[in-house]
Protein backbone atom coordinates (compact mmCIF):
# COMPACT_ATOMS: atom_id res chain seq x y z
CA UNK A 1 0.00 0.00 0.00
CA UNK A 2 1.52 3.37 -1.02
CA UNK A 3 2.34 5.79 1.78
CA UNK A 4 -0.22 8.48 2.66
CA UNK A 5 1.08 11.73 1.25
CA UNK A 6 0.56 15.04 3.07
CA UNK A 7 -1.95 17.57 1.82
CA UNK A 8 -0.38 20.77 0.59
CA UNK A 9 -2.18 24.09 1.05
CA UNK A 10 -1.76 27.32 -0.95
CA UNK A 11 1.47 29.00 0.06
CA UNK A 12 2.99 25.88 1.63
CA UNK A 13 6.48 24.81 0.47
CA UNK A 14 6.93 21.81 -1.79
CA UNK A 15 9.35 19.15 -0.45
CA UNK A 16 12.71 18.66 -2.19
CA UNK A 17 12.81 16.56 -5.37
CA UNK A 18 14.66 13.73 -3.61
CA UNK A 19 11.97 13.46 -0.94
CA UNK A 20 9.16 13.51 -3.51
CA UNK A 21 10.87 10.86 -5.62
CA UNK A 22 11.20 8.60 -2.57
CA UNK A 23 7.56 9.19 -1.53
CA UNK A 24 6.18 8.48 -4.98
CA UNK A 25 8.63 5.69 -5.85
CA UNK A 26 9.88 7.37 -9.01
CA UNK A 27 13.00 9.07 -10.34
CA UNK A 28 14.09 12.61 -9.60
CA UNK A 29 14.00 13.32 -13.34
CA UNK A 30 10.32 12.41 -13.47
CA UNK A 31 9.62 14.55 -10.40
CA UNK A 32 11.53 17.48 -11.89
CA UNK A 33 9.52 17.28 -15.12
CA UNK A 34 6.24 17.04 -13.20
CA UNK A 35 7.11 20.06 -11.09
CA UNK A 36 8.04 22.06 -14.18
CA UNK A 37 4.69 21.24 -15.79
CA UNK A 38 2.82 22.26 -12.64
CA UNK A 39 4.68 25.57 -12.60
CA UNK A 40 3.66 26.21 -16.21
CA UNK A 41 0.04 25.36 -15.34
CA UNK A 42 0.17 27.85 -12.47
CA UNK A 43 -0.37 25.22 -9.77
CA UNK A 44 3.11 25.71 -8.31
CA UNK A 45 5.22 28.82 -7.93
CA UNK A 46 9.01 29.04 -7.94
CA UNK A 47 10.44 31.96 -5.98
CA UNK A 48 14.05 32.91 -6.49
CA UNK A 49 16.17 32.00 -3.49
CA UNK A 50 13.19 30.63 -1.56
CA UNK A 51 12.05 27.43 -3.25
CA UNK A 52 8.86 26.04 -4.79
CA UNK A 53 5.45 26.63 -3.23
CA UNK A 54 1.85 25.62 -3.82
CA UNK A 55 0.33 28.48 -5.81
CA UNK A 56 -2.35 30.64 -4.30
CA UNK A 57 -5.70 30.99 -6.09
CA UNK A 58 -5.62 33.46 -8.96
CA UNK A 59 -7.21 36.85 -8.53
CA UNK A 60 -10.15 37.05 -10.95
CA UNK A 61 -9.83 40.65 -12.13
CA UNK A 62 -12.89 42.01 -13.92
CA UNK A 63 -12.05 44.06 -17.00
CA UNK A 64 -13.40 47.47 -16.08
CA UNK A 65 -12.19 51.05 -15.80
CA UNK A 66 -11.16 50.90 -12.17
CA UNK A 67 -7.94 51.43 -10.26
CA UNK A 68 -5.71 48.67 -8.96
CA UNK A 69 -6.53 49.78 -5.43
CA UNK A 70 -10.27 49.35 -6.01
CA UNK A 71 -9.77 45.96 -7.63
CA UNK A 72 -7.69 44.53 -4.80
CA UNK A 73 -10.04 45.83 -2.11
CA UNK A 74 -12.94 44.18 -3.92
CA UNK A 75 -11.14 40.84 -3.40
CA UNK A 76 -10.52 41.49 0.28
CA UNK A 77 -6.80 42.07 -0.28
CA UNK A 78 -4.71 44.93 1.09
CA UNK A 79 -3.28 46.89 -1.86
CA UNK A 80 0.12 48.54 -1.71
CA UNK A 81 2.04 50.56 -4.26
CA UNK A 82 5.77 51.23 -4.40
CA UNK A 83 6.67 54.09 -6.71
CA UNK A 84 9.84 52.99 -8.48
CA UNK A 85 10.31 56.14 -10.52
CA UNK A 86 8.48 59.32 -11.52
CA UNK A 87 9.98 61.56 -14.15
CA UNK A 88 9.58 63.31 -17.47
CA UNK A 89 10.20 61.79 -20.87
CA UNK A 90 10.19 63.28 -24.33
CA UNK A 91 7.24 61.91 -26.28
CA UNK A 92 8.02 60.33 -29.62
CA UNK A 93 5.41 60.48 -32.39
CA UNK A 94 3.62 57.33 -31.23
CA UNK A 95 3.36 58.35 -27.57
CA UNK A 96 2.45 61.92 -28.51
CA UNK A 97 -0.43 60.68 -30.66
CA UNK A 98 -1.69 58.50 -27.79
CA UNK A 99 -1.60 61.41 -25.32
CA UNK A 100 -2.84 64.09 -27.69
CA UNK A 101 0.31 66.23 -27.44
CA UNK A 102 2.91 67.34 -29.94
CA UNK A 103 5.84 65.11 -30.78
CA UNK A 104 8.80 66.18 -28.67
CA UNK A 105 6.51 67.38 -25.88
CA UNK A 106 6.90 66.24 -22.30
CA UNK A 107 5.04 63.36 -20.70
CA UNK A 108 5.03 62.23 -17.09
CA UNK A 109 6.16 58.64 -16.64
CA UNK A 110 5.04 56.85 -13.48
CA UNK A 111 6.68 53.46 -12.86
CA UNK A 112 5.20 51.44 -9.97
CA UNK A 113 5.32 48.03 -8.33
CA UNK A 114 1.93 46.76 -7.14
CA UNK A 115 1.52 44.45 -4.17
CA UNK A 116 -1.37 42.71 -2.44
CA UNK A 117 -1.00 41.57 1.18
CA UNK A 118 2.72 42.23 0.76
CA UNK A 119 3.11 40.00 -2.32
CA UNK A 120 4.29 41.53 -5.63
CA UNK A 121 1.50 41.28 -8.20
CA UNK A 122 2.26 43.57 -11.14
CA UNK A 123 4.49 46.26 -12.58
CA UNK A 124 2.78 49.35 -14.02
CA UNK A 125 4.10 52.09 -16.28
CA UNK A 126 1.78 55.04 -16.95
CA UNK A 127 2.33 58.00 -19.25
CA UNK A 128 0.30 61.22 -18.94
CA UNK A 129 0.52 64.67 -20.57
CA UNK A 130 2.91 66.70 -18.38
CA UNK A 131 1.34 70.11 -19.06
CA UNK A 132 -2.09 68.88 -18.07
CA UNK A 133 -0.95 67.42 -14.74
CA UNK A 134 1.57 69.77 -13.07
CA UNK A 135 3.07 68.67 -9.74
CA UNK A 136 1.80 65.13 -10.25
CA UNK A 137 4.66 63.70 -8.18
CA UNK A 138 3.60 65.75 -5.13
CA UNK A 139 -0.08 64.97 -5.60
CA UNK A 140 0.56 61.23 -5.79
CA UNK A 141 2.04 61.34 -2.30
CA UNK A 142 -1.32 62.47 -0.91
CA UNK A 143 -3.59 59.88 -2.45
CA UNK A 144 -3.75 56.08 -2.58
CA UNK A 145 -4.05 55.64 -6.35
CA UNK A 146 -3.31 57.45 -9.60
CA UNK A 147 -6.97 57.52 -10.61
CA UNK A 148 -7.95 58.92 -7.22
CA UNK A 149 -5.27 61.57 -7.67
CA UNK A 150 -6.58 62.51 -11.10
CA UNK A 151 -10.10 62.88 -9.71
CA UNK A 152 -9.30 64.63 -6.43
CA UNK A 153 -6.44 66.90 -7.52
CA UNK A 154 -7.27 67.64 -11.15
CA UNK A 155 -11.02 67.03 -11.45
CA UNK A 156 -10.50 64.37 -14.12
CA UNK A 157 -13.25 61.78 -14.48
CA UNK A 158 -12.26 58.81 -16.62
CA UNK A 159 -15.05 57.61 -18.89
CA UNK A 160 -13.71 54.90 -21.20
CA UNK A 161 -10.60 53.00 -22.20
CA UNK A 162 -9.37 50.64 -24.88
CA UNK A 163 -7.45 47.65 -23.58
CA UNK A 164 -5.45 44.86 -25.14
CA UNK A 165 -4.12 41.76 -23.38
CA UNK A 166 -1.25 39.57 -24.52
CA UNK A 167 1.17 37.09 -23.02
CA UNK A 168 4.87 37.88 -22.54
CA UNK A 169 7.69 36.25 -20.57
CA UNK A 170 9.28 37.86 -17.52
CA UNK A 171 12.73 39.23 -18.26
CA UNK A 172 15.37 39.11 -15.48
CA UNK A 173 14.64 42.66 -14.29
CA UNK A 174 10.86 42.21 -14.03
CA UNK A 175 11.31 38.74 -12.53
CA UNK A 176 13.46 40.21 -9.77
CA UNK A 177 10.83 42.84 -8.94
CA UNK A 178 8.00 40.29 -8.98
CA UNK A 179 10.07 37.68 -7.09
CA UNK A 180 9.53 34.97 -9.72
CA UNK A 181 11.74 33.03 -12.10
CA UNK A 182 12.74 34.65 -15.41
CA UNK A 183 10.58 33.29 -18.19
CA UNK A 184 7.41 33.07 -16.09
CA UNK A 185 4.39 33.95 -18.30
CA UNK A 186 3.09 37.45 -17.59
CA UNK A 187 -0.15 39.04 -18.74
CA UNK A 188 0.60 42.36 -20.43
CA UNK A 189 -2.37 44.72 -20.33
CA UNK A 190 -2.14 47.93 -22.37
CA UNK A 191 -4.70 50.63 -21.59
CA UNK A 192 -5.54 53.87 -23.44
CA UNK A 193 -7.85 55.88 -21.16
CA UNK A 194 -10.02 58.91 -21.96
CA UNK A 195 -11.98 61.41 -19.85
CA UNK A 196 -15.66 62.37 -20.21
CA UNK A 197 -14.79 64.93 -22.90
CA UNK A 198 -13.03 62.32 -25.03
CA UNK A 199 -9.55 63.70 -24.34
CA UNK A 200 -6.77 61.13 -23.84
CA UNK A 201 -5.55 60.98 -20.26
CA UNK A 202 -3.26 57.98 -19.91
CA UNK A 203 -1.34 55.39 -21.86
CA UNK A 204 -0.41 52.59 -19.49
CA UNK A 205 1.05 49.12 -19.62
CA UNK A 206 0.85 46.63 -16.75
CA UNK A 207 2.72 43.34 -16.43
CA UNK A 208 0.66 40.99 -14.25
CA UNK A 209 1.94 37.71 -12.85
CA UNK A 210 0.35 34.93 -14.87
CA UNK A 211 0.35 32.62 -11.84
CA UNK A 212 -1.71 35.06 -9.74
CA UNK A 213 -4.06 36.71 -12.22
CA UNK A 214 -6.84 35.93 -14.61
CA UNK A 215 -9.09 38.45 -16.31
CA UNK A 216 -12.86 38.12 -16.49
CA UNK A 217 -15.38 39.89 -18.71
CA UNK A 218 -19.05 39.46 -19.53
CA UNK A 219 -20.12 39.28 -23.15
CA UNK A 220 -23.58 40.20 -24.36
CA UNK A 221 -25.26 39.83 -27.70
C-alpha atoms as a PDB file:
ATOM      1  CA  UNK A   1       0.000   0.000   0.000  1.00  0.00           C
ATOM      2  CA  UNK A   2       1.519   3.368  -1.021  1.00  0.00           C
ATOM      3  CA  UNK A   3       2.341   5.794   1.784  1.00  0.00           C
ATOM      4  CA  UNK A   4      -0.217   8.478   2.664  1.00  0.00           C
ATOM      5  CA  UNK A   5       1.079  11.732   1.252  1.00  0.00           C
ATOM      6  CA  UNK A   6       0.562  15.039   3.069  1.00  0.00           C
ATOM      7  CA  UNK A   7      -1.947  17.575   1.819  1.00  0.00           C
ATOM      8  CA  UNK A   8      -0.378  20.774   0.589  1.00  0.00           C
ATOM      9  CA  UNK A   9      -2.176  24.085   1.047  1.00  0.00           C
ATOM     10  CA  UNK A  10      -1.760  27.324  -0.947  1.00  0.00           C
ATOM     11  CA  UNK A  11       1.472  28.996   0.063  1.00  0.00           C
ATOM     12  CA  UNK A  12       2.989  25.885   1.625  1.00  0.00           C
ATOM     13  CA  UNK A  13       6.484  24.809   0.472  1.00  0.00           C
ATOM     14  CA  UNK A  14       6.927  21.806  -1.792  1.00  0.00           C
ATOM     15  CA  UNK A  15       9.349  19.149  -0.448  1.00  0.00           C
ATOM     16  CA  UNK A  16      12.710  18.661  -2.188  1.00  0.00           C
ATOM     17  CA  UNK A  17      12.810  16.557  -5.371  1.00  0.00           C
ATOM     18  CA  UNK A  18      14.661  13.730  -3.614  1.00  0.00           C
ATOM     19  CA  UNK A  19      11.975  13.463  -0.941  1.00  0.00           C
ATOM     20  CA  UNK A  20       9.160  13.513  -3.510  1.00  0.00           C
ATOM     21  CA  UNK A  21      10.872  10.862  -5.618  1.00  0.00           C
ATOM     22  CA  UNK A  22      11.197   8.602  -2.572  1.00  0.00           C
ATOM     23  CA  UNK A  23       7.558   9.188  -1.527  1.00  0.00           C
ATOM     24  CA  UNK A  24       6.178   8.477  -4.985  1.00  0.00           C
ATOM     25  CA  UNK A  25       8.632   5.689  -5.852  1.00  0.00           C
ATOM     26  CA  UNK A  26       9.876   7.365  -9.009  1.00  0.00           C
ATOM     27  CA  UNK A  27      13.000   9.066 -10.336  1.00  0.00           C
ATOM     28  CA  UNK A  28      14.086  12.613  -9.599  1.00  0.00           C
ATOM     29  CA  UNK A  29      14.001  13.318 -13.336  1.00  0.00           C
ATOM     30  CA  UNK A  30      10.318  12.409 -13.466  1.00  0.00           C
ATOM     31  CA  UNK A  31       9.621  14.552 -10.403  1.00  0.00           C
ATOM     32  CA  UNK A  32      11.530  17.475 -11.887  1.00  0.00           C
ATOM     33  CA  UNK A  33       9.525  17.278 -15.117  1.00  0.00           C
ATOM     34  CA  UNK A  34       6.243  17.037 -13.199  1.00  0.00           C
ATOM     35  CA  UNK A  35       7.111  20.057 -11.087  1.00  0.00           C
ATOM     36  CA  UNK A  36       8.042  22.062 -14.184  1.00  0.00           C
ATOM     37  CA  UNK A  37       4.687  21.240 -15.787  1.00  0.00           C
ATOM     38  CA  UNK A  38       2.818  22.256 -12.638  1.00  0.00           C
ATOM     39  CA  UNK A  39       4.682  25.567 -12.600  1.00  0.00           C
ATOM     40  CA  UNK A  40       3.660  26.212 -16.211  1.00  0.00           C
ATOM     41  CA  UNK A  41       0.041  25.365 -15.340  1.00  0.00           C
ATOM     42  CA  UNK A  42       0.172  27.846 -12.474  1.00  0.00           C
ATOM     43  CA  UNK A  43      -0.366  25.218  -9.768  1.00  0.00           C
ATOM     44  CA  UNK A  44       3.105  25.710  -8.311  1.00  0.00           C
ATOM     45  CA  UNK A  45       5.220  28.823  -7.926  1.00  0.00           C
ATOM     46  CA  UNK A  46       9.005  29.038  -7.938  1.00  0.00           C
ATOM     47  CA  UNK A  47      10.436  31.956  -5.975  1.00  0.00           C
ATOM     48  CA  UNK A  48      14.047  32.907  -6.489  1.00  0.00           C
ATOM     49  CA  UNK A  49      16.172  32.004  -3.493  1.00  0.00           C
ATOM     50  CA  UNK A  50      13.194  30.626  -1.556  1.00  0.00           C
ATOM     51  CA  UNK A  51      12.047  27.429  -3.250  1.00  0.00           C
ATOM     52  CA  UNK A  52       8.859  26.039  -4.795  1.00  0.00           C
ATOM     53  CA  UNK A  53       5.449  26.635  -3.227  1.00  0.00           C
ATOM     54  CA  UNK A  54       1.846  25.620  -3.821  1.00  0.00           C
ATOM     55  CA  UNK A  55       0.334  28.475  -5.814  1.00  0.00           C
ATOM     56  CA  UNK A  56      -2.347  30.638  -4.299  1.00  0.00           C
ATOM     57  CA  UNK A  57      -5.698  30.989  -6.088  1.00  0.00           C
ATOM     58  CA  UNK A  58      -5.622  33.458  -8.955  1.00  0.00           C
ATOM     59  CA  UNK A  59      -7.213  36.852  -8.534  1.00  0.00           C
ATOM     60  CA  UNK A  60     -10.147  37.055 -10.947  1.00  0.00           C
ATOM     61  CA  UNK A  61      -9.834  40.647 -12.128  1.00  0.00           C
ATOM     62  CA  UNK A  62     -12.894  42.013 -13.922  1.00  0.00           C
ATOM     63  CA  UNK A  63     -12.053  44.060 -16.997  1.00  0.00           C
ATOM     64  CA  UNK A  64     -13.400  47.467 -16.081  1.00  0.00           C
ATOM     65  CA  UNK A  65     -12.187  51.051 -15.802  1.00  0.00           C
ATOM     66  CA  UNK A  66     -11.163  50.901 -12.167  1.00  0.00           C
ATOM     67  CA  UNK A  67      -7.943  51.433 -10.264  1.00  0.00           C
ATOM     68  CA  UNK A  68      -5.708  48.673  -8.957  1.00  0.00           C
ATOM     69  CA  UNK A  69      -6.526  49.781  -5.429  1.00  0.00           C
ATOM     70  CA  UNK A  70     -10.266  49.353  -6.008  1.00  0.00           C
ATOM     71  CA  UNK A  71      -9.771  45.961  -7.628  1.00  0.00           C
ATOM     72  CA  UNK A  72      -7.693  44.526  -4.799  1.00  0.00           C
ATOM     73  CA  UNK A  73     -10.037  45.831  -2.115  1.00  0.00           C
ATOM     74  CA  UNK A  74     -12.940  44.179  -3.924  1.00  0.00           C
ATOM     75  CA  UNK A  75     -11.143  40.841  -3.401  1.00  0.00           C
ATOM     76  CA  UNK A  76     -10.518  41.487   0.275  1.00  0.00           C
ATOM     77  CA  UNK A  77      -6.801  42.073  -0.281  1.00  0.00           C
ATOM     78  CA  UNK A  78      -4.707  44.927   1.090  1.00  0.00           C
ATOM     79  CA  UNK A  79      -3.278  46.887  -1.862  1.00  0.00           C
ATOM     80  CA  UNK A  80       0.120  48.540  -1.705  1.00  0.00           C
ATOM     81  CA  UNK A  81       2.043  50.565  -4.262  1.00  0.00           C
ATOM     82  CA  UNK A  82       5.767  51.234  -4.400  1.00  0.00           C
ATOM     83  CA  UNK A  83       6.672  54.091  -6.714  1.00  0.00           C
ATOM     84  CA  UNK A  84       9.838  52.989  -8.479  1.00  0.00           C
ATOM     85  CA  UNK A  85      10.308  56.140 -10.524  1.00  0.00           C
ATOM     86  CA  UNK A  86       8.477  59.322 -11.521  1.00  0.00           C
ATOM     87  CA  UNK A  87       9.981  61.564 -14.150  1.00  0.00           C
ATOM     88  CA  UNK A  88       9.577  63.311 -17.467  1.00  0.00           C
ATOM     89  CA  UNK A  89      10.197  61.786 -20.868  1.00  0.00           C
ATOM     90  CA  UNK A  90      10.190  63.276 -24.327  1.00  0.00           C
ATOM     91  CA  UNK A  91       7.240  61.906 -26.276  1.00  0.00           C
ATOM     92  CA  UNK A  92       8.016  60.334 -29.621  1.00  0.00           C
ATOM     93  CA  UNK A  93       5.412  60.476 -32.386  1.00  0.00           C
ATOM     94  CA  UNK A  94       3.617  57.334 -31.232  1.00  0.00           C
ATOM     95  CA  UNK A  95       3.358  58.345 -27.569  1.00  0.00           C
ATOM     96  CA  UNK A  96       2.453  61.918 -28.515  1.00  0.00           C
ATOM     97  CA  UNK A  97      -0.431  60.680 -30.655  1.00  0.00           C
ATOM     98  CA  UNK A  98      -1.685  58.498 -27.785  1.00  0.00           C
ATOM     99  CA  UNK A  99      -1.597  61.406 -25.320  1.00  0.00           C
ATOM    100  CA  UNK A 100      -2.838  64.093 -27.694  1.00  0.00           C
ATOM    101  CA  UNK A 101       0.307  66.227 -27.436  1.00  0.00           C
ATOM    102  CA  UNK A 102       2.909  67.341 -29.943  1.00  0.00           C
ATOM    103  CA  UNK A 103       5.844  65.113 -30.784  1.00  0.00           C
ATOM    104  CA  UNK A 104       8.797  66.182 -28.668  1.00  0.00           C
ATOM    105  CA  UNK A 105       6.515  67.383 -25.882  1.00  0.00           C
ATOM    106  CA  UNK A 106       6.899  66.240 -22.300  1.00  0.00           C
ATOM    107  CA  UNK A 107       5.043  63.362 -20.704  1.00  0.00           C
ATOM    108  CA  UNK A 108       5.031  62.229 -17.090  1.00  0.00           C
ATOM    109  CA  UNK A 109       6.164  58.636 -16.643  1.00  0.00           C
ATOM    110  CA  UNK A 110       5.041  56.850 -13.478  1.00  0.00           C
ATOM    111  CA  UNK A 111       6.683  53.456 -12.864  1.00  0.00           C
ATOM    112  CA  UNK A 112       5.204  51.437  -9.970  1.00  0.00           C
ATOM    113  CA  UNK A 113       5.319  48.027  -8.326  1.00  0.00           C
ATOM    114  CA  UNK A 114       1.929  46.755  -7.140  1.00  0.00           C
ATOM    115  CA  UNK A 115       1.521  44.448  -4.167  1.00  0.00           C
ATOM    116  CA  UNK A 116      -1.372  42.707  -2.435  1.00  0.00           C
ATOM    117  CA  UNK A 117      -0.998  41.567   1.182  1.00  0.00           C
ATOM    118  CA  UNK A 118       2.717  42.225   0.761  1.00  0.00           C
ATOM    119  CA  UNK A 119       3.110  39.997  -2.316  1.00  0.00           C
ATOM    120  CA  UNK A 120       4.293  41.526  -5.627  1.00  0.00           C
ATOM    121  CA  UNK A 121       1.501  41.277  -8.202  1.00  0.00           C
ATOM    122  CA  UNK A 122       2.259  43.572 -11.136  1.00  0.00           C
ATOM    123  CA  UNK A 123       4.489  46.263 -12.580  1.00  0.00           C
ATOM    124  CA  UNK A 124       2.785  49.352 -14.019  1.00  0.00           C
ATOM    125  CA  UNK A 125       4.101  52.086 -16.278  1.00  0.00           C
ATOM    126  CA  UNK A 126       1.782  55.036 -16.950  1.00  0.00           C
ATOM    127  CA  UNK A 127       2.334  58.004 -19.251  1.00  0.00           C
ATOM    128  CA  UNK A 128       0.301  61.218 -18.941  1.00  0.00           C
ATOM    129  CA  UNK A 129       0.524  64.674 -20.568  1.00  0.00           C
ATOM    130  CA  UNK A 130       2.905  66.699 -18.384  1.00  0.00           C
ATOM    131  CA  UNK A 131       1.340  70.106 -19.060  1.00  0.00           C
ATOM    132  CA  UNK A 132      -2.094  68.877 -18.066  1.00  0.00           C
ATOM    133  CA  UNK A 133      -0.951  67.420 -14.739  1.00  0.00           C
ATOM    134  CA  UNK A 134       1.571  69.771 -13.072  1.00  0.00           C
ATOM    135  CA  UNK A 135       3.067  68.670  -9.740  1.00  0.00           C
ATOM    136  CA  UNK A 136       1.796  65.130 -10.249  1.00  0.00           C
ATOM    137  CA  UNK A 137       4.659  63.700  -8.180  1.00  0.00           C
ATOM    138  CA  UNK A 138       3.605  65.752  -5.134  1.00  0.00           C
ATOM    139  CA  UNK A 139      -0.078  64.971  -5.601  1.00  0.00           C
ATOM    140  CA  UNK A 140       0.564  61.229  -5.792  1.00  0.00           C
ATOM    141  CA  UNK A 141       2.043  61.335  -2.301  1.00  0.00           C
ATOM    142  CA  UNK A 142      -1.316  62.474  -0.913  1.00  0.00           C
ATOM    143  CA  UNK A 143      -3.593  59.875  -2.454  1.00  0.00           C
ATOM    144  CA  UNK A 144      -3.752  56.081  -2.584  1.00  0.00           C
ATOM    145  CA  UNK A 145      -4.047  55.644  -6.351  1.00  0.00           C
ATOM    146  CA  UNK A 146      -3.308  57.448  -9.600  1.00  0.00           C
ATOM    147  CA  UNK A 147      -6.968  57.522 -10.612  1.00  0.00           C
ATOM    148  CA  UNK A 148      -7.946  58.916  -7.222  1.00  0.00           C
ATOM    149  CA  UNK A 149      -5.270  61.573  -7.669  1.00  0.00           C
ATOM    150  CA  UNK A 150      -6.583  62.507 -11.104  1.00  0.00           C
ATOM    151  CA  UNK A 151     -10.097  62.875  -9.712  1.00  0.00           C
ATOM    152  CA  UNK A 152      -9.301  64.630  -6.434  1.00  0.00           C
ATOM    153  CA  UNK A 153      -6.436  66.904  -7.519  1.00  0.00           C
ATOM    154  CA  UNK A 154      -7.274  67.638 -11.154  1.00  0.00           C
ATOM    155  CA  UNK A 155     -11.016  67.027 -11.446  1.00  0.00           C
ATOM    156  CA  UNK A 156     -10.503  64.367 -14.120  1.00  0.00           C
ATOM    157  CA  UNK A 157     -13.246  61.781 -14.484  1.00  0.00           C
ATOM    158  CA  UNK A 158     -12.264  58.805 -16.616  1.00  0.00           C
ATOM    159  CA  UNK A 159     -15.045  57.605 -18.893  1.00  0.00           C
ATOM    160  CA  UNK A 160     -13.712  54.904 -21.196  1.00  0.00           C
ATOM    161  CA  UNK A 161     -10.602  53.000 -22.202  1.00  0.00           C
ATOM    162  CA  UNK A 162      -9.368  50.643 -24.880  1.00  0.00           C
ATOM    163  CA  UNK A 163      -7.449  47.645 -23.577  1.00  0.00           C
ATOM    164  CA  UNK A 164      -5.454  44.855 -25.141  1.00  0.00           C
ATOM    165  CA  UNK A 165      -4.125  41.756 -23.381  1.00  0.00           C
ATOM    166  CA  UNK A 166      -1.250  39.570 -24.521  1.00  0.00           C
ATOM    167  CA  UNK A 167       1.175  37.092 -23.018  1.00  0.00           C
ATOM    168  CA  UNK A 168       4.869  37.883 -22.536  1.00  0.00           C
ATOM    169  CA  UNK A 169       7.691  36.252 -20.574  1.00  0.00           C
ATOM    170  CA  UNK A 170       9.276  37.856 -17.521  1.00  0.00           C
ATOM    171  CA  UNK A 171      12.731  39.235 -18.258  1.00  0.00           C
ATOM    172  CA  UNK A 172      15.374  39.107 -15.482  1.00  0.00           C
ATOM    173  CA  UNK A 173      14.641  42.665 -14.294  1.00  0.00           C
ATOM    174  CA  UNK A 174      10.859  42.206 -14.034  1.00  0.00           C
ATOM    175  CA  UNK A 175      11.310  38.740 -12.531  1.00  0.00           C
ATOM    176  CA  UNK A 176      13.455  40.206  -9.766  1.00  0.00           C
ATOM    177  CA  UNK A 177      10.827  42.844  -8.937  1.00  0.00           C
ATOM    178  CA  UNK A 178       8.000  40.287  -8.980  1.00  0.00           C
ATOM    179  CA  UNK A 179      10.072  37.681  -7.087  1.00  0.00           C
ATOM    180  CA  UNK A 180       9.529  34.974  -9.719  1.00  0.00           C
ATOM    181  CA  UNK A 181      11.742  33.029 -12.096  1.00  0.00           C
ATOM    182  CA  UNK A 182      12.735  34.652 -15.413  1.00  0.00           C
ATOM    183  CA  UNK A 183      10.581  33.286 -18.191  1.00  0.00           C
ATOM    184  CA  UNK A 184       7.405  33.070 -16.094  1.00  0.00           C
ATOM    185  CA  UNK A 185       4.388  33.946 -18.298  1.00  0.00           C
ATOM    186  CA  UNK A 186       3.086  37.447 -17.593  1.00  0.00           C
ATOM    187  CA  UNK A 187      -0.147  39.041 -18.743  1.00  0.00           C
ATOM    188  CA  UNK A 188       0.604  42.364 -20.430  1.00  0.00           C
ATOM    189  CA  UNK A 189      -2.367  44.716 -20.329  1.00  0.00           C
ATOM    190  CA  UNK A 190      -2.139  47.929 -22.368  1.00  0.00           C
ATOM    191  CA  UNK A 191      -4.703  50.634 -21.590  1.00  0.00           C
ATOM    192  CA  UNK A 192      -5.544  53.865 -23.439  1.00  0.00           C
ATOM    193  CA  UNK A 193      -7.848  55.877 -21.160  1.00  0.00           C
ATOM    194  CA  UNK A 194     -10.016  58.911 -21.959  1.00  0.00           C
ATOM    195  CA  UNK A 195     -11.977  61.411 -19.850  1.00  0.00           C
ATOM    196  CA  UNK A 196     -15.655  62.372 -20.206  1.00  0.00           C
ATOM    197  CA  UNK A 197     -14.792  64.927 -22.903  1.00  0.00           C
ATOM    198  CA  UNK A 198     -13.032  62.317 -25.030  1.00  0.00           C
ATOM    199  CA  UNK A 199      -9.554  63.703 -24.337  1.00  0.00           C
ATOM    200  CA  UNK A 200      -6.770  61.130 -23.845  1.00  0.00           C
ATOM    201  CA  UNK A 201      -5.549  60.980 -20.256  1.00  0.00           C
ATOM    202  CA  UNK A 202      -3.262  57.985 -19.915  1.00  0.00           C
ATOM    203  CA  UNK A 203      -1.338  55.387 -21.861  1.00  0.00           C
ATOM    204  CA  UNK A 204      -0.412  52.587 -19.487  1.00  0.00           C
ATOM    205  CA  UNK A 205       1.054  49.117 -19.618  1.00  0.00           C
ATOM    206  CA  UNK A 206       0.846  46.629 -16.751  1.00  0.00           C
ATOM    207  CA  UNK A 207       2.717  43.341 -16.432  1.00  0.00           C
ATOM    208  CA  UNK A 208       0.661  40.986 -14.245  1.00  0.00           C
ATOM    209  CA  UNK A 209       1.944  37.713 -12.846  1.00  0.00           C
ATOM    210  CA  UNK A 210       0.353  34.934 -14.869  1.00  0.00           C
ATOM    211  CA  UNK A 211       0.351  32.623 -11.841  1.00  0.00           C
ATOM    212  CA  UNK A 212      -1.714  35.063  -9.744  1.00  0.00           C
ATOM    213  CA  UNK A 213      -4.058  36.705 -12.221  1.00  0.00           C
ATOM    214  CA  UNK A 214      -6.838  35.929 -14.609  1.00  0.00           C
ATOM    215  CA  UNK A 215      -9.093  38.448 -16.312  1.00  0.00           C
ATOM    216  CA  UNK A 216     -12.864  38.124 -16.492  1.00  0.00           C
ATOM    217  CA  UNK A 217     -15.375  39.893 -18.710  1.00  0.00           C
ATOM    218  CA  UNK A 218     -19.046  39.460 -19.529  1.00  0.00           C
ATOM    219  CA  UNK A 219     -20.118  39.275 -23.155  1.00  0.00           C
ATOM    220  CA  UNK A 220     -23.582  40.201 -24.356  1.00  0.00           C
ATOM    221  CA  UNK A 221     -25.265  39.826 -27.698  1.00  0.00           C
END
